[in-house]
Protein backbone atom coordinates (compact mmCIF):
# COMPACT_ATOMS: atom_id res chain seq x y z
CA UNK A 1 108.54 124.33 130.75
CA UNK A 2 108.55 121.13 128.74
CA UNK A 3 106.53 117.98 129.18
CA UNK A 4 107.06 114.39 128.01
CA UNK A 5 104.92 113.47 124.99
CA UNK A 6 104.44 110.48 122.72
CA UNK A 7 103.15 110.95 119.18
CA UNK A 8 102.17 107.99 117.05
CA UNK A 9 101.18 108.54 113.45
CA UNK A 10 100.35 106.37 110.45
CA UNK A 11 101.55 107.16 106.94
CA UNK A 12 99.87 105.99 103.71
CA UNK A 13 100.97 102.51 102.57
CA UNK A 14 101.66 103.55 98.97
CA UNK A 15 104.65 105.73 99.98
CA UNK A 16 108.13 104.54 99.05
CA UNK A 17 110.77 103.97 101.75
CA UNK A 18 112.44 107.22 100.71
CA UNK A 19 109.17 109.16 101.05
CA UNK A 20 108.59 107.63 104.49
CA UNK A 21 112.07 108.72 105.62
CA UNK A 22 111.46 112.23 104.26
CA UNK A 23 108.15 112.46 106.14
CA UNK A 24 109.81 111.31 109.37
CA UNK A 25 112.61 113.85 108.91
CA UNK A 26 110.08 116.62 108.19
CA UNK A 27 108.17 116.11 111.45
CA UNK A 28 111.37 115.49 113.41
CA UNK A 29 112.81 118.84 112.19
CA UNK A 30 109.51 120.59 112.92
CA UNK A 31 109.61 119.40 116.53
CA UNK A 32 113.26 120.36 116.96
CA UNK A 33 112.54 123.86 115.59
CA UNK A 34 109.81 124.21 118.24
CA UNK A 35 112.22 123.34 121.06
CA UNK A 36 111.72 119.60 121.47
CA UNK A 37 114.51 117.71 123.24
CA UNK A 38 115.35 114.04 123.84
CA UNK A 39 113.61 113.16 120.56
CA UNK A 40 113.43 109.40 120.11
CA UNK A 41 112.17 108.12 116.73
CA UNK A 42 110.88 104.59 116.19
CA UNK A 43 109.90 103.56 112.67
CA UNK A 44 107.67 100.55 113.31
CA UNK A 45 107.31 99.71 109.61
CA UNK A 46 104.33 98.72 107.51
CA UNK A 47 101.53 97.07 109.47
CA UNK A 48 97.95 96.01 108.93
CA UNK A 49 95.40 98.42 110.41
CA UNK A 50 92.76 97.13 112.81
CA UNK A 51 90.09 98.78 110.64
CA UNK A 52 89.99 100.71 107.40
CA UNK A 53 91.00 104.38 107.62
CA UNK A 54 90.51 106.64 104.59
CA UNK A 55 90.05 103.53 102.41
CA UNK A 56 93.46 102.16 103.49
CA UNK A 57 94.02 98.74 105.10
CA UNK A 58 97.80 99.11 105.78
CA UNK A 59 100.07 101.90 106.94
CA UNK A 60 103.56 102.82 108.09
CA UNK A 61 103.61 103.33 111.86
CA UNK A 62 106.02 105.92 113.33
CA UNK A 63 106.40 106.81 117.01
CA UNK A 64 108.09 109.88 118.52
CA UNK A 65 108.91 110.21 122.23
CA UNK A 66 110.14 113.66 123.28
CA UNK A 67 110.12 116.57 125.72
CA UNK A 68 108.54 119.72 124.33
CA UNK A 69 106.60 122.82 125.27
CA UNK A 70 102.84 122.56 124.79
CA UNK A 71 102.75 124.95 121.82
CA UNK A 72 104.89 122.53 119.78
CA UNK A 73 102.11 119.94 119.85
CA UNK A 74 99.58 122.27 118.22
CA UNK A 75 102.04 123.12 115.43
CA UNK A 76 102.96 119.46 114.84
CA UNK A 77 99.35 118.27 114.76
CA UNK A 78 98.32 121.08 112.41
CA UNK A 79 101.06 120.06 109.97
CA UNK A 80 99.92 116.43 110.17
CA UNK A 81 96.27 117.35 109.70
CA UNK A 82 97.08 119.29 106.52
CA UNK A 83 99.36 116.57 105.13
CA UNK A 84 97.94 114.04 102.69
CA UNK A 85 100.59 111.46 103.62
CA UNK A 86 99.37 111.10 107.24
CA UNK A 87 96.31 108.88 107.68
CA UNK A 88 95.95 109.21 111.47
CA UNK A 89 97.90 110.70 114.39
CA UNK A 90 97.65 110.74 118.16
CA UNK A 91 99.67 112.65 120.76
CA UNK A 92 99.61 111.58 124.40
CA UNK A 93 101.03 113.39 127.40
CA UNK A 94 103.00 110.80 129.38
CA UNK A 95 103.17 110.37 133.11
CA UNK A 96 106.67 111.01 134.43
CA UNK A 97 107.65 108.90 137.43
CA UNK A 98 109.63 110.33 140.31
CA UNK A 99 112.74 108.35 139.26
CA UNK A 100 112.74 109.92 135.80
CA UNK A 101 112.26 113.41 137.28
CA UNK A 102 115.31 112.83 139.51
CA UNK A 103 117.38 111.65 136.51
CA UNK A 104 116.44 114.72 134.51
CA UNK A 105 117.22 117.00 137.44
CA UNK A 106 120.59 115.28 137.98
CA UNK A 107 121.63 115.77 134.35
CA UNK A 108 120.57 119.43 134.23
């Protein structure tokens, strides 16, 4: 059974655009290997942080929206925790409205 999740993470500001794209691809592939579907990636670009995190004032914001089994979240977050390029991450389980459930059921 899969659930709808949203993961937002912040990458270090000193990464090049190529390194940012590689990091996004790495986590995207990791999720897909774990059975994630309907993966939507939004690169929000470099933004100022509200407060300093790990001595950084800026960061690249990236958001993933996807359906995945619960075990995929633990694997993704472990990879992010061990990575030096990720400053902060947060995964939220989203509420699915009845309309969206009906759409998903209709397409299945």
